[in-house]
């Protein structure tokens, strides 16, 4: 097992897989296959923010901090979630990880379902949209993304590791798993809103 320190963060490649990494001025960007990466590079936490009639909303600080650590661009990429009625979000550099995962799955499925790869690619790349944010952290949520994620007047941001999800909190309260329901119900109660 090989190990490195990136800005004092232990990073290890498992199973003899050689890791690729680079250190950036504002933070560490670690990439490669088979890596264990420190928690500071993962999205964790949750927040509920208002969405106005034009689709403007503030991206929570915990999301922006990771985006700016992982990418030089001040934008988030949003796409329909593969399994849930919400959006998935990430930084623009994460596209390479999604592409690699799609290729891995394509090769594993070769000969069994020729359309599955294209469905994933259409969702991950064709249906994705970029949303740049301004100096105060506000984005304009594209109308198509609002529709796909069933986002109305509130957006619930939930960190899920390498990505984050954006939910309509009422939908999350009814259709999410136990932990997500608890988060959504907490925020709705905090705002005095019935689920």
C-alpha atoms as a PDB file:
ATOM      1  CA  UNK A   1       0.000   0.000   0.000  1.00  0.00           C
ATOM      2  CA  UNK A   2       1.387   3.391  -1.011  1.00  0.00           C
ATOM      3  CA  UNK A   3       0.737   6.512   1.039  1.00  0.00           C
ATOM      4  CA  UNK A   4       1.210  10.247   0.601  1.00  0.00           C
ATOM      5  CA  UNK A   5       0.564  13.390   2.532  1.00  0.00           C
ATOM      6  CA  UNK A   6      -1.274  16.107   0.627  1.00  0.00           C
ATOM      7  CA  UNK A   7      -1.305  19.295   2.714  1.00  0.00           C
ATOM      8  CA  UNK A   8      -0.833  17.066   5.748  1.00  0.00           C
ATOM      9  CA  UNK A   9      -3.816  14.899   4.786  1.00  0.00           C
ATOM     10  CA  UNK A  10      -3.071  11.180   4.569  1.00  0.00           C
ATOM     11  CA  UNK A  11      -4.058   9.790   1.169  1.00  0.00           C
ATOM     12  CA  UNK A  12      -3.600   6.131   0.348  1.00  0.00           C
ATOM     13  CA  UNK A  13      -3.989   4.063  -2.778  1.00  0.00           C
ATOM     14  CA  UNK A  14      -5.417   0.635  -2.060  1.00  0.00           C
ATOM     15  CA  UNK A  15      -4.561  -2.629  -3.749  1.00  0.00           C
ATOM     16  CA  UNK A  16      -1.409  -1.376  -5.418  1.00  0.00           C
ATOM     17  CA  UNK A  17      -3.327   1.108  -7.558  1.00  0.00           C
ATOM     18  CA  UNK A  18      -1.112   4.023  -8.438  1.00  0.00           C
ATOM     19  CA  UNK A  19      -2.681   7.346  -7.440  1.00  0.00           C
ATOM     20  CA  UNK A  20      -2.611  10.618  -9.315  1.00  0.00           C
ATOM     21  CA  UNK A  21      -2.772  13.805  -7.300  1.00  0.00           C
ATOM     22  CA  UNK A  22      -1.930  17.450  -7.430  1.00  0.00           C
ATOM     23  CA  UNK A  23      -1.871  20.182  -4.836  1.00  0.00           C
ATOM     24  CA  UNK A  24      -3.684  23.386  -5.648  1.00  0.00           C
ATOM     25  CA  UNK A  25      -3.023  26.778  -4.139  1.00  0.00           C
ATOM     26  CA  UNK A  26      -6.430  27.016  -2.390  1.00  0.00           C
ATOM     27  CA  UNK A  27      -6.619  23.369  -1.365  1.00  0.00           C
ATOM     28  CA  UNK A  28      -5.928  19.820  -2.340  1.00  0.00           C
ATOM     29  CA  UNK A  29      -7.417  18.076  -5.347  1.00  0.00           C
ATOM     30  CA  UNK A  30      -7.014  14.356  -5.064  1.00  0.00           C
ATOM     31  CA  UNK A  31      -8.004  12.078  -7.909  1.00  0.00           C
ATOM     32  CA  UNK A  32      -7.406   8.553  -9.039  1.00  0.00           C
ATOM     33  CA  UNK A  33      -8.824   5.097  -8.608  1.00  0.00           C
ATOM     34  CA  UNK A  34      -8.988   3.187  -5.334  1.00  0.00           C
ATOM     35  CA  UNK A  35      -8.285   6.198  -3.109  1.00  0.00           C
ATOM     36  CA  UNK A  36      -9.378   6.925   0.403  1.00  0.00           C
ATOM     37  CA  UNK A  37      -9.739  10.683   0.630  1.00  0.00           C
ATOM     38  CA  UNK A  38     -10.003  12.786   3.765  1.00  0.00           C
ATOM     39  CA  UNK A  39     -13.448  13.957   4.822  1.00  0.00           C
ATOM     40  CA  UNK A  40     -12.633  17.584   4.025  1.00  0.00           C
ATOM     41  CA  UNK A  41     -13.110  16.773   0.332  1.00  0.00           C
ATOM     42  CA  UNK A  42     -16.616  15.369   0.739  1.00  0.00           C
ATOM     43  CA  UNK A  43     -19.979  17.139   0.887  1.00  0.00           C
ATOM     44  CA  UNK A  44     -21.610  16.716   4.279  1.00  0.00           C
ATOM     45  CA  UNK A  45     -24.299  18.655   6.042  1.00  0.00           C
ATOM     46  CA  UNK A  46     -27.696  20.025   5.072  1.00  0.00           C
ATOM     47  CA  UNK A  47     -29.477  23.353   4.697  1.00  0.00           C
ATOM     48  CA  UNK A  48     -32.849  24.673   3.591  1.00  0.00           C
ATOM     49  CA  UNK A  49     -32.928  27.797   1.437  1.00  0.00           C
ATOM     50  CA  UNK A  50     -35.705  29.806  -0.164  1.00  0.00           C
ATOM     51  CA  UNK A  51     -36.198  29.899  -3.940  1.00  0.00           C
ATOM     52  CA  UNK A  52     -37.763  33.062  -5.352  1.00  0.00           C
ATOM     53  CA  UNK A  53     -40.162  33.302  -8.312  1.00  0.00           C
ATOM     54  CA  UNK A  54     -37.250  33.740 -10.764  1.00  0.00           C
ATOM     55  CA  UNK A  55     -35.470  30.639  -9.460  1.00  0.00           C
ATOM     56  CA  UNK A  56     -32.791  32.509  -7.506  1.00  0.00           C
ATOM     57  CA  UNK A  57     -31.427  30.823  -4.422  1.00  0.00           C
ATOM     58  CA  UNK A  58     -28.375  30.909  -2.245  1.00  0.00           C
ATOM     59  CA  UNK A  59     -26.040  27.916  -2.354  1.00  0.00           C
ATOM     60  CA  UNK A  60     -25.121  26.995   1.253  1.00  0.00           C
ATOM     61  CA  UNK A  61     -21.608  27.816   2.447  1.00  0.00           C
ATOM     62  CA  UNK A  62     -20.779  24.142   3.091  1.00  0.00           C
ATOM     63  CA  UNK A  63     -21.432  23.413  -0.605  1.00  0.00           C
ATOM     64  CA  UNK A  64     -19.532  26.445  -1.929  1.00  0.00           C
ATOM     65  CA  UNK A  65     -16.500  25.653   0.264  1.00  0.00           C
ATOM     66  CA  UNK A  66     -16.146  22.183  -1.279  1.00  0.00           C
ATOM     67  CA  UNK A  67     -16.833  23.427  -4.818  1.00  0.00           C
ATOM     68  CA  UNK A  68     -14.094  26.050  -4.479  1.00  0.00           C
ATOM     69  CA  UNK A  69     -11.677  23.522  -2.970  1.00  0.00           C
ATOM     70  CA  UNK A  70     -12.293  21.023  -5.761  1.00  0.00           C
ATOM     71  CA  UNK A  71     -12.534  23.364  -8.769  1.00  0.00           C
ATOM     72  CA  UNK A  72     -11.293  26.703 -10.082  1.00  0.00           C
ATOM     73  CA  UNK A  73     -14.793  27.588 -11.294  1.00  0.00           C
ATOM     74  CA  UNK A  74     -17.556  29.170  -9.227  1.00  0.00           C
ATOM     75  CA  UNK A  75     -20.323  26.990 -10.563  1.00  0.00           C
ATOM     76  CA  UNK A  76     -22.263  23.901  -9.704  1.00  0.00           C
ATOM     77  CA  UNK A  77     -23.356  21.231 -12.130  1.00  0.00           C
ATOM     78  CA  UNK A  78     -26.895  19.931 -11.609  1.00  0.00           C
ATOM     79  CA  UNK A  79     -28.471  16.832 -13.113  1.00  0.00           C
ATOM     80  CA  UNK A  80     -31.514  14.655 -12.462  1.00  0.00           C
ATOM     81  CA  UNK A  81     -30.779  11.999  -9.840  1.00  0.00           C
ATOM     82  CA  UNK A  82     -30.496   8.439 -11.127  1.00  0.00           C
ATOM     83  CA  UNK A  83     -32.932   6.969  -8.592  1.00  0.00           C
ATOM     84  CA  UNK A  84     -34.728   9.723  -6.644  1.00  0.00           C
ATOM     85  CA  UNK A  85     -37.026  12.655  -7.494  1.00  0.00           C
ATOM     86  CA  UNK A  86     -34.352  15.249  -6.799  1.00  0.00           C
ATOM     87  CA  UNK A  87     -31.250  16.787  -8.351  1.00  0.00           C
ATOM     88  CA  UNK A  88     -27.651  15.741  -7.884  1.00  0.00           C
ATOM     89  CA  UNK A  89     -24.957  18.427  -7.799  1.00  0.00           C
ATOM     90  CA  UNK A  90     -21.179  18.550  -7.982  1.00  0.00           C
ATOM     91  CA  UNK A  91     -18.223  20.617  -9.216  1.00  0.00           C
ATOM     92  CA  UNK A  92     -17.241  20.643 -12.905  1.00  0.00           C
ATOM     93  CA  UNK A  93     -14.126  18.533 -12.261  1.00  0.00           C
ATOM     94  CA  UNK A  94     -16.344  15.678 -11.060  1.00  0.00           C
ATOM     95  CA  UNK A  95     -17.500  15.147 -14.673  1.00  0.00           C
ATOM     96  CA  UNK A  96     -14.354  13.055 -15.229  1.00  0.00           C
ATOM     97  CA  UNK A  97     -15.321  10.769 -12.330  1.00  0.00           C
ATOM     98  CA  UNK A  98     -18.842  10.368 -13.721  1.00  0.00           C
ATOM     99  CA  UNK A  99     -17.475   9.567 -17.170  1.00  0.00           C
ATOM    100  CA  UNK A 100     -15.094   6.946 -15.729  1.00  0.00           C
ATOM    101  CA  UNK A 101     -17.922   5.345 -13.729  1.00  0.00           C
ATOM    102  CA  UNK A 102     -20.178   5.289 -16.810  1.00  0.00           C
ATOM    103  CA  UNK A 103     -17.423   3.592 -18.815  1.00  0.00           C
ATOM    104  CA  UNK A 104     -16.803   1.049 -16.045  1.00  0.00           C
ATOM    105  CA  UNK A 105     -20.502   0.207 -15.974  1.00  0.00           C
ATOM    106  CA  UNK A 106     -20.686   0.090 -19.789  1.00  0.00           C
ATOM    107  CA  UNK A 107     -17.883  -2.456 -19.938  1.00  0.00           C
ATOM    108  CA  UNK A 108     -19.434  -4.540 -17.147  1.00  0.00           C
ATOM    109  CA  UNK A 109     -22.796  -4.579 -18.959  1.00  0.00           C
ATOM    110  CA  UNK A 110     -21.370  -5.156 -22.428  1.00  0.00           C
ATOM    111  CA  UNK A 111     -23.684  -7.428 -24.369  1.00  0.00           C
ATOM    112  CA  UNK A 112     -26.469  -7.456 -21.753  1.00  0.00           C
ATOM    113  CA  UNK A 113     -28.171  -4.060 -22.088  1.00  0.00           C
ATOM    114  CA  UNK A 114     -26.851  -1.870 -24.916  1.00  0.00           C
ATOM    115  CA  UNK A 115     -29.164   1.058 -24.086  1.00  0.00           C
ATOM    116  CA  UNK A 116     -28.300   1.375 -20.361  1.00  0.00           C
ATOM    117  CA  UNK A 117     -25.029   3.175 -21.088  1.00  0.00           C
ATOM    118  CA  UNK A 118     -26.722   5.754 -23.286  1.00  0.00           C
ATOM    119  CA  UNK A 119     -29.467   6.370 -20.737  1.00  0.00           C
ATOM    120  CA  UNK A 120     -26.821   7.069 -18.077  1.00  0.00           C
ATOM    121  CA  UNK A 121     -24.841   9.298 -20.441  1.00  0.00           C
ATOM    122  CA  UNK A 122     -27.958  11.253 -21.434  1.00  0.00           C
ATOM    123  CA  UNK A 123     -28.852  11.801 -17.769  1.00  0.00           C
ATOM    124  CA  UNK A 124     -25.308  12.568 -16.573  1.00  0.00           C
ATOM    125  CA  UNK A 125     -24.209  14.808 -19.437  1.00  0.00           C
ATOM    126  CA  UNK A 126     -27.093  15.609 -21.773  1.00  0.00           C
ATOM    127  CA  UNK A 127     -29.542  16.485 -19.000  1.00  0.00           C
ATOM    128  CA  UNK A 128     -26.979  18.287 -16.790  1.00  0.00           C
ATOM    129  CA  UNK A 129     -26.830  22.065 -16.569  1.00  0.00           C
ATOM    130  CA  UNK A 130     -24.257  24.430 -15.136  1.00  0.00           C
ATOM    131  CA  UNK A 131     -25.316  27.106 -12.673  1.00  0.00           C
ATOM    132  CA  UNK A 132     -22.616  29.699 -11.918  1.00  0.00           C
ATOM    133  CA  UNK A 133     -22.907  31.504  -8.597  1.00  0.00           C
ATOM    134  CA  UNK A 134     -22.121  35.125  -7.828  1.00  0.00           C
ATOM    135  CA  UNK A 135     -19.927  36.540  -5.034  1.00  0.00           C
ATOM    136  CA  UNK A 136     -22.788  36.196  -2.546  1.00  0.00           C
ATOM    137  CA  UNK A 137     -23.293  32.524  -3.486  1.00  0.00           C
ATOM    138  CA  UNK A 138     -26.568  32.921  -5.395  1.00  0.00           C
ATOM    139  CA  UNK A 139     -27.490  30.926  -8.483  1.00  0.00           C
ATOM    140  CA  UNK A 140     -30.430  30.975 -10.829  1.00  0.00           C
ATOM    141  CA  UNK A 141     -31.813  27.461 -10.782  1.00  0.00           C
ATOM    142  CA  UNK A 142     -32.600  26.600 -14.428  1.00  0.00           C
ATOM    143  CA  UNK A 143     -36.334  26.086 -14.993  1.00  0.00           C
ATOM    144  CA  UNK A 144     -35.818  22.586 -16.390  1.00  0.00           C
ATOM    145  CA  UNK A 145     -33.877  21.608 -13.263  1.00  0.00           C
ATOM    146  CA  UNK A 146     -36.608  23.087 -11.069  1.00  0.00           C
ATOM    147  CA  UNK A 147     -39.116  20.949 -12.913  1.00  0.00           C
ATOM    148  CA  UNK A 148     -37.031  17.735 -12.819  1.00  0.00           C
ATOM    149  CA  UNK A 149     -36.296  18.163  -9.103  1.00  0.00           C
ATOM    150  CA  UNK A 150     -39.854  19.258  -8.268  1.00  0.00           C
ATOM    151  CA  UNK A 151     -38.309  22.351  -6.636  1.00  0.00           C
ATOM    152  CA  UNK A 152     -40.836  25.034  -5.715  1.00  0.00           C
ATOM    153  CA  UNK A 153     -40.292  27.751  -3.081  1.00  0.00           C
ATOM    154  CA  UNK A 154     -37.724  25.846  -0.982  1.00  0.00           C
ATOM    155  CA  UNK A 155     -34.605  23.824  -1.757  1.00  0.00           C
ATOM    156  CA  UNK A 156     -33.149  21.308   0.681  1.00  0.00           C
ATOM    157  CA  UNK A 157     -29.413  20.743   0.120  1.00  0.00           C
ATOM    158  CA  UNK A 158     -28.077  17.440   1.479  1.00  0.00           C
ATOM    159  CA  UNK A 159     -24.429  16.376   1.318  1.00  0.00           C
ATOM    160  CA  UNK A 160     -23.976  12.733   0.292  1.00  0.00           C
ATOM    161  CA  UNK A 161     -20.197  12.392   0.011  1.00  0.00           C
ATOM    162  CA  UNK A 162     -18.718  13.032  -3.414  1.00  0.00           C
ATOM    163  CA  UNK A 163     -21.925  14.828  -4.508  1.00  0.00           C
ATOM    164  CA  UNK A 164     -24.866  16.635  -2.949  1.00  0.00           C
ATOM    165  CA  UNK A 165     -28.589  16.433  -3.550  1.00  0.00           C
ATOM    166  CA  UNK A 166     -31.154  19.209  -3.941  1.00  0.00           C
ATOM    167  CA  UNK A 167     -34.675  18.243  -2.869  1.00  0.00           C
ATOM    168  CA  UNK A 168     -38.058  19.811  -2.526  1.00  0.00           C
ATOM    169  CA  UNK A 169     -38.261  19.333   1.272  1.00  0.00           C
ATOM    170  CA  UNK A 170     -41.936  18.300   1.091  1.00  0.00           C
ATOM    171  CA  UNK A 171     -41.074  15.566  -1.419  1.00  0.00           C
ATOM    172  CA  UNK A 172     -38.133  14.467   0.764  1.00  0.00           C
ATOM    173  CA  UNK A 173     -40.429  14.310   3.805  1.00  0.00           C
ATOM    174  CA  UNK A 174     -42.767  11.923   1.979  1.00  0.00           C
ATOM    175  CA  UNK A 175     -40.545   9.945  -0.388  1.00  0.00           C
ATOM    176  CA  UNK A 176     -37.095   9.894   1.205  1.00  0.00           C
ATOM    177  CA  UNK A 177     -35.578   7.249   3.440  1.00  0.00           C
ATOM    178  CA  UNK A 178     -35.806   7.562   7.227  1.00  0.00           C
ATOM    179  CA  UNK A 179     -32.746   9.825   7.642  1.00  0.00           C
ATOM    180  CA  UNK A 180     -33.708  12.126   4.778  1.00  0.00           C
ATOM    181  CA  UNK A 181     -37.296  12.357   6.065  1.00  0.00           C
ATOM    182  CA  UNK A 182     -35.967  13.336   9.487  1.00  0.00           C
ATOM    183  CA  UNK A 183     -33.801  16.095   7.981  1.00  0.00           C
ATOM    184  CA  UNK A 184     -36.641  17.421   5.824  1.00  0.00           C
ATOM    185  CA  UNK A 185     -39.171  17.364   8.683  1.00  0.00           C
ATOM    186  CA  UNK A 186     -36.708  19.173  10.965  1.00  0.00           C
ATOM    187  CA  UNK A 187     -36.237  22.026   8.484  1.00  0.00           C
ATOM    188  CA  UNK A 188     -39.925  22.311   7.673  1.00  0.00           C
ATOM    189  CA  UNK A 189     -40.792  22.405  11.379  1.00  0.00           C
ATOM    190  CA  UNK A 190     -38.030  24.947  11.970  1.00  0.00           C
ATOM    191  CA  UNK A 191     -39.710  27.205   9.379  1.00  0.00           C
ATOM    192  CA  UNK A 192     -43.213  26.507  10.669  1.00  0.00           C
ATOM    193  CA  UNK A 193     -44.243  24.799   7.420  1.00  0.00           C
ATOM    194  CA  UNK A 194     -46.502  21.759   7.244  1.00  0.00           C
ATOM    195  CA  UNK A 195     -44.987  18.838   5.287  1.00  0.00           C
END
